[in-house]
Amino acid sequence: MRAFKRVLAVSALTAPLVIGCAGLASAQEGLSADFGKGAFIANQHGAGVAAVESAVSPDGISHADFFIWADDNGVSGSFTGSGASWSNG
């Protein structure tokens, strides 16, 4: 019974390590990271939407954010975007 508990404990401790190493190995094949967040509102004062997005990939990096608001005074908004790309060849 003691041997079984030891095997179970060692397995429980090594499984995350093995999974983590597999994740690192696959990350070397192609880096990719993304982030995005958005919001929307509509009420008696007006309506609007806003968002921000960022991405990193083997082809480059990018970032964008914007908002649009409409009310009794009209429609307004703003956009900002930036990025860089490169060839992996």
PDB file of N, CA and C in Angstrom:
ATOM      1  N   MET A   1       0.809  -1.185   0.000  1.00  0.00           N
ATOM      2  CA  MET A   1       0.000   0.000   0.000  1.00  0.00           C
ATOM      3  C   MET A   1       0.863   1.265   0.000  1.00  0.00           C
ATOM      4  N   ARG A   2       1.967   1.209   0.752  1.00  0.00           N
ATOM      5  CA  ARG A   2       2.875   2.344   0.812  1.00  0.00           C
ATOM      6  C   ARG A   2       3.498   2.605  -0.566  1.00  0.00           C
ATOM      7  N   ALA A   3       3.865   1.550  -1.289  1.00  0.00           N
ATOM      8  CA  ALA A   3       4.436   1.701  -2.627  1.00  0.00           C
ATOM      9  C   ALA A   3       3.409   2.324  -3.572  1.00  0.00           C
ATOM     10  N   PHE A   4       2.163   1.919  -3.458  1.00  0.00           N
ATOM     11  CA  PHE A   4       1.107   2.473  -4.305  1.00  0.00           C
ATOM     12  C   PHE A   4       0.950   3.973  -4.058  1.00  0.00           C
ATOM     13  N   LYS A   5       0.989   4.385  -2.785  1.00  0.00           N
ATOM     14  CA  LYS A   5       0.871   5.798  -2.449  1.00  0.00           C
ATOM     15  C   LYS A   5       2.037   6.604  -3.006  1.00  0.00           C
ATOM     16  N   ARG A   6       3.237   6.020  -2.969  1.00  0.00           N
ATOM     17  CA  ARG A   6       4.415   6.702  -3.514  1.00  0.00           C
ATOM     18  C   ARG A   6       4.289   6.876  -5.025  1.00  0.00           C
ATOM     19  N   VAL A   7       3.857   5.828  -5.705  1.00  0.00           N
ATOM     20  CA  VAL A   7       3.681   5.912  -7.159  1.00  0.00           C
ATOM     21  C   VAL A   7       2.626   6.954  -7.498  1.00  0.00           C
ATOM     22  N   LEU A   8       1.546   6.966  -6.754  1.00  0.00           N
ATOM     23  CA  LEU A   8       0.487   7.942  -6.982  1.00  0.00           C
ATOM     24  C   LEU A   8       0.989   9.361  -6.742  1.00  0.00           C
ATOM     25  N   ALA A   9       1.748   9.568  -5.678  1.00  0.00           N
ATOM     26  CA  ALA A   9       2.286  10.897  -5.367  1.00  0.00           C
ATOM     27  C   ALA A   9       3.276  11.356  -6.431  1.00  0.00           C
ATOM     28  N   VAL A  10       4.167  10.479  -6.862  1.00  0.00           N
ATOM     29  CA  VAL A  10       5.152  10.832  -7.890  1.00  0.00           C
ATOM     30  C   VAL A  10       4.449  11.141  -9.207  1.00  0.00           C
ATOM     31  N   SER A  11       3.437  10.364  -9.555  1.00  0.00           N
ATOM     32  CA  SER A  11       2.673  10.614 -10.787  1.00  0.00           C
ATOM     33  C   SER A  11       1.973  11.964 -10.731  1.00  0.00           C
ATOM     34  N   ALA A  12       1.386  12.267  -9.580  1.00  0.00           N
ATOM     35  CA  ALA A  12       0.684  13.538  -9.433  1.00  0.00           C
ATOM     36  C   ALA A  12       1.632  14.718  -9.533  1.00  0.00           C
ATOM     37  N   LEU A  13       2.862  14.558  -9.077  1.00  0.00           N
ATOM     38  CA  LEU A  13       3.838  15.647  -9.131  1.00  0.00           C
ATOM     39  C   LEU A  13       4.510  15.771 -10.496  1.00  0.00           C
ATOM     40  N   THR A  14       4.680  14.680 -11.214  1.00  0.00           N
ATOM     41  CA  THR A  14       5.375  14.740 -12.502  1.00  0.00           C
ATOM     42  C   THR A  14       4.447  15.039 -13.670  1.00  0.00           C
ATOM     43  N   ALA A  15       3.160  14.756 -13.557  1.00  0.00           N
ATOM     44  CA  ALA A  15       2.232  14.994 -14.669  1.00  0.00           C
ATOM     45  C   ALA A  15       2.224  16.455 -15.109  1.00  0.00           C
ATOM     46  N   PRO A  16       2.122  17.438 -14.193  1.00  0.00           N
ATOM     47  CA  PRO A  16       2.168  18.837 -14.646  1.00  0.00           C
ATOM     48  C   PRO A  16       3.498  19.201 -15.316  1.00  0.00           C
ATOM     49  N   LEU A  17       4.590  18.626 -14.836  1.00  0.00           N
ATOM     50  CA  LEU A  17       5.894  18.894 -15.436  1.00  0.00           C
ATOM     51  C   LEU A  17       5.955  18.372 -16.867  1.00  0.00           C
ATOM     52  N   VAL A  18       5.465  17.169 -17.081  1.00  0.00           N
ATOM     53  CA  VAL A  18       5.458  16.589 -18.433  1.00  0.00           C
ATOM     54  C   VAL A  18       4.560  17.401 -19.350  1.00  0.00           C
ATOM     55  N   ILE A  19       3.384  17.785 -18.872  1.00  0.00           N
ATOM     56  CA  ILE A  19       2.462  18.584 -19.687  1.00  0.00           C
ATOM     57  C   ILE A  19       3.070  19.952 -19.986  1.00  0.00           C
ATOM     58  N   GLY A  20       3.719  20.564 -19.006  1.00  0.00           N
ATOM     59  CA  GLY A  20       4.366  21.857 -19.213  1.00  0.00           C
ATOM     60  C   GLY A  20       5.482  21.793 -20.231  1.00  0.00           C
ATOM     61  N   CYS A  21       6.288  20.751 -20.200  1.00  0.00           N
ATOM     62  CA  CYS A  21       7.366  20.597 -21.181  1.00  0.00           C
ATOM     63  C   CYS A  21       6.802  20.381 -22.582  1.00  0.00           C
ATOM     64  N   ALA A  22       5.699  19.662 -22.677  1.00  0.00           N
ATOM     65  CA  ALA A  22       5.064  19.474 -23.979  1.00  0.00           C
ATOM     66  C   ALA A  22       4.555  20.809 -24.502  1.00  0.00           C
ATOM     67  N   GLY A  23       4.030  21.645 -23.610  1.00  0.00           N
ATOM     68  CA  GLY A  23       3.573  22.966 -24.011  1.00  0.00           C
ATOM     69  C   GLY A  23       4.716  23.846 -24.492  1.00  0.00           C
ATOM     70  N   LEU A  24       5.851  23.787 -23.827  1.00  0.00           N
ATOM     71  CA  LEU A  24       7.018  24.551 -24.271  1.00  0.00           C
ATOM     72  C   LEU A  24       7.510  24.073 -25.631  1.00  0.00           C
ATOM     73  N   ALA A  25       7.510  22.787 -25.851  1.00  0.00           N
ATOM     74  CA  ALA A  25       7.952  22.253 -27.135  1.00  0.00           C
ATOM     75  C   ALA A  25       7.037  22.715 -28.253  1.00  0.00           C
ATOM     76  N   SER A  26       5.743  22.720 -28.020  1.00  0.00           N
ATOM     77  CA  SER A  26       4.828  23.159 -29.068  1.00  0.00           C
ATOM     78  C   SER A  26       4.911  24.667 -29.263  1.00  0.00           C
ATOM     79  N   ALA A  27       5.271  25.433 -28.232  1.00  0.00           N
ATOM     80  CA  ALA A  27       5.386  26.880 -28.365  1.00  0.00           C
ATOM     81  C   ALA A  27       6.532  27.256 -29.284  1.00  0.00           C
ATOM     82  N   GLN A  28       7.545  26.435 -29.375  1.00  0.00           N
ATOM     83  CA  GLN A  28       8.665  26.714 -30.252  1.00  0.00           C
ATOM     84  C   GLN A  28       8.275  26.639 -31.722  1.00  0.00           C
ATOM     85  N   GLU A  29       7.224  25.901 -32.036  1.00  0.00           N
ATOM     86  CA  GLU A  29       6.809  25.743 -33.414  1.00  0.00           C
ATOM     87  C   GLU A  29       6.159  26.999 -33.965  1.00  0.00           C
ATOM     88  N   GLY A  30       5.501  27.779 -33.152  1.00  0.00           N
ATOM     89  CA  GLY A  30       4.847  28.983 -33.632  1.00  0.00           C
ATOM     90  C   GLY A  30       4.294  29.803 -32.487  1.00  0.00           C
ATOM     91  N   LEU A  31       4.894  30.935 -32.237  1.00  0.00           N
ATOM     92  CA  LEU A  31       4.467  31.820 -31.166  1.00  0.00           C
ATOM     93  C   LEU A  31       3.159  32.491 -31.550  1.00  0.00           C
ATOM     94  N   SER A  32       2.225  32.537 -30.622  1.00  0.00           N
ATOM     95  CA  SER A  32       0.959  33.215 -30.871  1.00  0.00           C
ATOM     96  C   SER A  32       0.369  33.653 -29.538  1.00  0.00           C
ATOM     97  N   ALA A  33       0.026  34.923 -29.443  1.00  0.00           N
ATOM     98  CA  ALA A  33      -0.614  35.442 -28.245  1.00  0.00           C
ATOM     99  C   ALA A  33      -1.602  36.523 -28.671  1.00  0.00           C
ATOM    100  N   ASP A  34      -2.804  36.469 -28.136  1.00  0.00           N
ATOM    101  CA  ASP A  34      -3.848  37.423 -28.499  1.00  0.00           C
ATOM    102  C   ASP A  34      -4.540  37.945 -27.251  1.00  0.00           C
ATOM    103  N   PHE A  35      -5.022  39.180 -27.343  1.00  0.00           N
ATOM    104  CA  PHE A  35      -5.807  39.779 -26.272  1.00  0.00           C
ATOM    105  C   PHE A  35      -6.899  40.623 -26.909  1.00  0.00           C
ATOM    106  N   GLY A  36      -8.074  40.561 -26.384  1.00  0.00           N
ATOM    107  CA  GLY A  36      -9.163  41.390 -26.875  1.00  0.00           C
ATOM    108  C   GLY A  36     -10.161  41.680 -25.772  1.00  0.00           C
ATOM    109  N   LYS A  37     -10.688  42.897 -25.765  1.00  0.00           N
ATOM    110  CA  LYS A  37     -11.702  43.268 -24.791  1.00  0.00           C
ATOM    111  C   LYS A  37     -12.621  44.291 -25.435  1.00  0.00           C
ATOM    112  N   GLY A  38     -13.905  44.154 -25.195  1.00  0.00           N
ATOM    113  CA  GLY A  38     -14.859  45.081 -25.784  1.00  0.00           C
ATOM    114  C   GLY A  38     -15.996  45.376 -24.832  1.00  0.00           C
ATOM    115  N   ALA A  39     -16.709  46.463 -25.120  1.00  0.00           N
ATOM    116  CA  ALA A  39     -17.859  46.851 -24.310  1.00  0.00           C
ATOM    117  C   ALA A  39     -18.870  47.556 -25.199  1.00  0.00           C
ATOM    118  N   PHE A  40     -20.144  47.429 -24.841  1.00  0.00           N
ATOM    119  CA  PHE A  40     -21.222  48.070 -25.583  1.00  0.00           C
ATOM    120  C   PHE A  40     -22.243  48.600 -24.590  1.00  0.00           C
ATOM    121  N   ILE A  41     -22.776  49.768 -24.863  1.00  0.00           N
ATOM    122  CA  ILE A  41     -23.819  50.332 -23.999  1.00  0.00           C
ATOM    123  C   ILE A  41     -24.869  51.005 -24.874  1.00  0.00           C
ATOM    124  N   ALA A  42     -26.102  50.856 -24.481  1.00  0.00           N
ATOM    125  CA  ALA A  42     -27.219  51.548 -25.131  1.00  0.00           C
ATOM    126  C   ALA A  42     -28.229  51.879 -24.043  1.00  0.00           C
ATOM    127  N   ASN A  43     -28.518  53.184 -23.896  1.00  0.00           N
ATOM    128  CA  ASN A  43     -29.494  53.611 -22.890  1.00  0.00           C
ATOM    129  C   ASN A  43     -30.149  54.906 -23.352  1.00  0.00           C
ATOM    130  N   GLN A  44     -30.864  55.585 -22.469  1.00  0.00           N
ATOM    131  CA  GLN A  44     -31.575  56.790 -22.833  1.00  0.00           C
ATOM    132  C   GLN A  44     -30.652  57.958 -23.189  1.00  0.00           C
ATOM    133  N   HIS A  45     -29.383  57.874 -22.854  1.00  0.00           N
ATOM    134  CA  HIS A  45     -28.429  58.943 -23.139  1.00  0.00           C
ATOM    135  C   HIS A  45     -27.719  58.768 -24.479  1.00  0.00           C
ATOM    136  N   GLY A  46     -27.715  57.557 -25.023  1.00  0.00           N
ATOM    137  CA  GLY A  46     -27.040  57.299 -26.287  1.00  0.00           C
ATOM    138  C   GLY A  46     -26.603  55.856 -26.386  1.00  0.00           C
ATOM    139  N   ALA A  47     -25.759  55.593 -27.367  1.00  0.00           N
ATOM    140  CA  ALA A  47     -25.242  54.235 -27.568  1.00  0.00           C
ATOM    141  C   ALA A  47     -23.776  54.327 -27.964  1.00  0.00           C
ATOM    142  N   GLY A  48     -23.004  53.326 -27.513  1.00  0.00           N
ATOM    143  CA  GLY A  48     -21.587  53.330 -27.840  1.00  0.00           C
ATOM    144  C   GLY A  48     -20.983  51.949 -27.772  1.00  0.00           C
ATOM    145  N   VAL A  49     -19.854  51.832 -28.421  1.00  0.00           N
ATOM    146  CA  VAL A  49     -19.097  50.584 -28.431  1.00  0.00           C
ATOM    147  C   VAL A  49     -17.618  50.952 -28.370  1.00  0.00           C
ATOM    148  N   ALA A  50     -16.834  50.105 -27.694  1.00  0.00           N
ATOM    149  CA  ALA A  50     -15.389  50.313 -27.589  1.00  0.00           C
ATOM    150  C   ALA A  50     -14.704  48.956 -27.547  1.00  0.00           C
ATOM    151  N   ALA A  51     -13.486  48.916 -28.048  1.00  0.00           N
ATOM    152  CA  ALA A  51     -12.732  47.660 -28.043  1.00  0.00           C
ATOM    153  C   ALA A  51     -11.240  47.936 -28.106  1.00  0.00           C
ATOM    154  N   VAL A  52     -10.484  46.976 -27.617  1.00  0.00           N
ATOM    155  CA  VAL A  52      -9.026  46.990 -27.726  1.00  0.00           C
ATOM    156  C   VAL A  52      -8.585  45.575 -28.069  1.00  0.00           C
ATOM    157  N   GLU A  53      -7.629  45.450 -28.992  1.00  0.00           N
ATOM    158  CA  GLU A  53      -7.122  44.151 -29.425  1.00  0.00           C
ATOM    159  C   GLU A  53      -5.617  44.239 -29.641  1.00  0.00           C
ATOM    160  N   SER A  54      -4.913  43.193 -29.241  1.00  0.00           N
ATOM    161  CA  SER A  54      -3.484  43.073 -29.480  1.00  0.00           C
ATOM    162  C   SER A  54      -3.184  41.646 -29.906  1.00  0.00           C
ATOM    163  N   ALA A  55      -2.188  41.478 -30.770  1.00  0.00           N
ATOM    164  CA  ALA A  55      -1.828  40.141 -31.239  1.00  0.00           C
ATOM    165  C   ALA A  55      -0.337  40.067 -31.518  1.00  0.00           C
ATOM    166  N   VAL A  56       0.226  38.907 -31.214  1.00  0.00           N
ATOM    167  CA  VAL A  56       1.616  38.593 -31.538  1.00  0.00           C
ATOM    168  C   VAL A  56       1.601  37.246 -32.236  1.00  0.00           C
ATOM    169  N   SER A  57       2.263  37.151 -33.376  1.00  0.00           N
ATOM    170  CA  SER A  57       2.312  35.893 -34.118  1.00  0.00           C
ATOM    171  C   SER A  57       3.673  35.780 -34.804  1.00  0.00           C
ATOM    172  N   PRO A  58       3.967  34.650 -35.430  1.00  0.00           N
ATOM    173  CA  PRO A  58       5.238  34.527 -36.140  1.00  0.00           C
ATOM    174  C   PRO A  58       5.388  35.537 -37.275  1.00  0.00           C
ATOM    175  N   ASP A  59       4.277  36.108 -37.745  1.00  0.00           N
ATOM    176  CA  ASP A  59       4.326  37.065 -38.844  1.00  0.00           C
ATOM    177  C   ASP A  59       4.484  38.508 -38.398  1.00  0.00           C
ATOM    178  N   GLY A  60       4.220  38.803 -37.116  1.00  0.00           N
ATOM    179  CA  GLY A  60       4.347  40.172 -36.650  1.00  0.00           C
ATOM    180  C   GLY A  60       3.534  40.453 -35.412  1.00  0.00           C
ATOM    181  N   ILE A  61       3.399  41.757 -35.116  1.00  0.00           N
ATOM    182  CA  ILE A  61       2.641  42.201 -33.954  1.00  0.00           C
ATOM    183  C   ILE A  61       1.655  43.283 -34.392  1.00  0.00           C
ATOM    184  N   SER A  62       0.544  43.417 -33.659  1.00  0.00           N
ATOM    185  CA  SER A  62      -0.418  44.466 -33.983  1.00  0.00           C
ATOM    186  C   SER A  62      -1.188  44.870 -32.730  1.00  0.00           C
ATOM    187  N   HIS A  63      -1.687  46.095 -32.781  1.00  0.00           N
ATOM    188  CA  HIS A  63      -2.509  46.623 -31.691  1.00  0.00           C
ATOM    189  C   HIS A  63      -3.520  47.594 -32.290  1.00  0.00           C
ATOM    190  N   ALA A  64      -4.748  47.560 -31.792  1.00  0.00           N
ATOM    191  CA  ALA A  64      -5.777  48.499 -32.231  1.00  0.00           C
ATOM    192  C   ALA A  64      -6.738  48.760 -31.086  1.00  0.00           C
ATOM    193  N   ASP A  65      -7.212  50.009 -31.012  1.00  0.00           N
ATOM    194  CA  ASP A  65      -8.273  50.343 -30.075  1.00  0.00           C
ATOM    195  C   ASP A  65      -9.175  51.380 -30.731  1.00  0.00           C
ATOM    196  N   PHE A  66     -10.452  51.343 -30.359  1.00  0.00           N
ATOM    197  CA  PHE A  66     -11.399  52.294 -30.935  1.00  0.00           C
ATOM    198  C   PHE A  66     -12.587  52.490 -30.014  1.00  0.00           C
ATOM    199  N   PHE A  67     -13.334  53.583 -30.263  1.00  0.00           N
ATOM    200  CA  PHE A  67     -14.635  53.770 -29.641  1.00  0.00           C
ATOM    201  C   PHE A  67     -15.528  54.529 -30.611  1.00  0.00           C
ATOM    202  N   ILE A  68     -16.820  54.292 -30.507  1.00  0.00           N
ATOM    203  CA  ILE A  68     -17.836  55.012 -31.271  1.00  0.00           C
ATOM    204  C   ILE A  68     -18.972  55.339 -30.302  1.00  0.00           C
ATOM    205  N   TRP A  69     -19.418  56.597 -30.304  1.00  0.00           N
ATOM    206  CA  TRP A  69     -20.505  57.019 -29.423  1.00  0.00           C
ATOM    207  C   TRP A  69     -21.512  57.828 -30.229  1.00  0.00           C
ATOM    208  N   ALA A  70     -22.775  57.554 -30.039  1.00  0.00           N
ATOM    209  CA  ALA A  70     -23.847  58.300 -30.709  1.00  0.00           C
ATOM    210  C   ALA A  70     -24.861  58.752 -29.676  1.00  0.00           C
ATOM    211  N   ASP A  71     -25.238  60.047 -29.747  1.00  0.00           N
ATOM    212  CA  ASP A  71     -26.257  60.581 -28.854  1.00  0.00           C
ATOM    213  C   ASP A  71     -27.013  61.692 -29.578  1.00  0.00           C
ATOM    214  N   ASP A  72     -27.727  62.542 -28.839  1.00  0.00           N
ATOM    215  CA  ASP A  72     -28.504  63.614 -29.452  1.00  0.00           C
ATOM    216  C   ASP A  72     -27.637  64.642 -30.173  1.00  0.00           C
ATOM    217  N   ASN A  73     -26.359  64.708 -29.830  1.00  0.00           N
ATOM    218  CA  ASN A  73     -25.444  65.672 -30.445  1.00  0.00           C
ATOM    219  C   ASN A  73     -24.789  65.157 -31.721  1.00  0.00           C
ATOM    220  N   GLY A  74     -24.952  63.881 -32.023  1.00  0.00           N
ATOM    221  CA  GLY A  74     -24.347  63.316 -33.225  1.00  0.00           C
ATOM    222  C   GLY A  74     -23.575  62.048 -32.910  1.00  0.00           C
ATOM    223  N   VAL A  75     -22.630  61.749 -33.801  1.00  0.00           N
ATOM    224  CA  VAL A  75     -21.816  60.542 -33.680  1.00  0.00           C
ATOM    225  C   VAL A  75     -20.355  60.958 -33.586  1.00  0.00           C
ATOM    226  N   SER A  76     -19.627  60.357 -32.661  1.00  0.00           N
ATOM    227  CA  SER A  76     -18.199  60.628 -32.534  1.00  0.00           C
ATOM    228  C   SER A  76     -17.466  59.310 -32.332  1.00  0.00           C
ATOM    229  N   GLY A  77     -16.167  59.360 -32.569  1.00  0.00           N
ATOM    230  CA  GLY A  77     -15.379  58.146 -32.391  1.00  0.00           C
ATOM    231  C   GLY A  77     -13.904  58.404 -32.574  1.00  0.00           C
ATOM    232  N   SER A  78     -13.138  57.362 -32.354  1.00  0.00           N
ATOM    233  CA  SER A  78     -11.686  57.442 -32.484  1.00  0.00           C
ATOM    234  C   SER A  78     -11.147  56.048 -32.775  1.00  0.00           C
ATOM    235  N   PHE A  79     -10.033  55.987 -33.501  1.00  0.00           N
ATOM    236  CA  PHE A  79      -9.371  54.728 -33.810  1.00  0.00           C
ATOM    237  C   PHE A  79      -7.864  54.939 -33.755  1.00  0.00           C
ATOM    238  N   THR A  80      -7.167  53.981 -33.161  1.00  0.00           N
ATOM    239  CA  THR A  80      -5.702  53.964 -33.151  1.00  0.00           C
ATOM    240  C   THR A  80      -5.261  52.568 -33.508  1.00  0.00           C
ATOM    241  N   GLY A  81      -4.313  52.460 -34.416  1.00  0.00           N
ATOM    242  CA  GLY A  81      -3.799  51.143 -34.802  1.00  0.00           C
ATOM    243  C   GLY A  81      -2.309  51.210 -35.059  1.00  0.00           C
ATOM    244  N   SER A  82      -1.606  50.146 -34.764  1.00  0.00           N
ATOM    245  CA  SER A  82      -0.168  50.073 -35.031  1.00  0.00           C
ATOM    246  C   SER A  82       0.206  48.606 -35.233  1.00  0.00           C
ATOM    247  N   GLY A  83       1.329  48.397 -35.864  1.00  0.00           N
ATOM    248  CA  GLY A  83       1.771  47.016 -36.068  1.00  0.00           C
ATOM    249  C   GLY A  83       3.109  46.966 -36.777  1.00  0.00           C
ATOM    250  N   ALA A  84       3.670  45.794 -36.797  1.00  0.00           N
ATOM    251  CA  ALA A  84       4.917  45.509 -37.488  1.00  0.00           C
ATOM    252  C   ALA A  84       4.862  44.080 -37.978  1.00  0.00           C
ATOM    253  N   SER A  85       5.414  43.849 -39.152  1.00  0.00           N
ATOM    254  CA  SER A  85       5.450  42.480 -39.670  1.00  0.00           C
ATOM    255  C   SER A  85       6.836  42.195 -40.222  1.00  0.00           C
ATOM    256  N   TRP A  86       7.177  40.932 -40.310  1.00  0.00           N
ATOM    257  CA  TRP A  86       8.476  40.527 -40.819  1.00  0.00           C
ATOM    258  C   TRP A  86       8.352  39.198 -41.529  1.00  0.00           C
ATOM    259  N   SER A  87       9.331  38.920 -42.330  1.00  0.00           N
ATOM    260  CA  SER A  87       9.356  37.669 -43.085  1.00  0.00           C
ATOM    261  C   SER A  87      10.184  36.653 -42.324  1.00  0.00           C
ATOM    262  N   ASN A  88       9.678  35.421 -42.231  1.00  0.00           N
ATOM    263  CA  ASN A  88      10.411  34.348 -41.564  1.00  0.00           C
ATOM    264  C   ASN A  88      11.194  33.518 -42.556  1.00  0.00           C
ATOM    265  N   GLY A  89      11.472  34.053 -43.684  1.00  0.00           N
ATOM    266  CA  GLY A  89      12.137  33.279 -44.727  1.00  0.00           C
ATOM    267  C   GLY A  89      13.550  33.436 -44.763  1.00  0.00           C
TER     268      GLY A  89
END
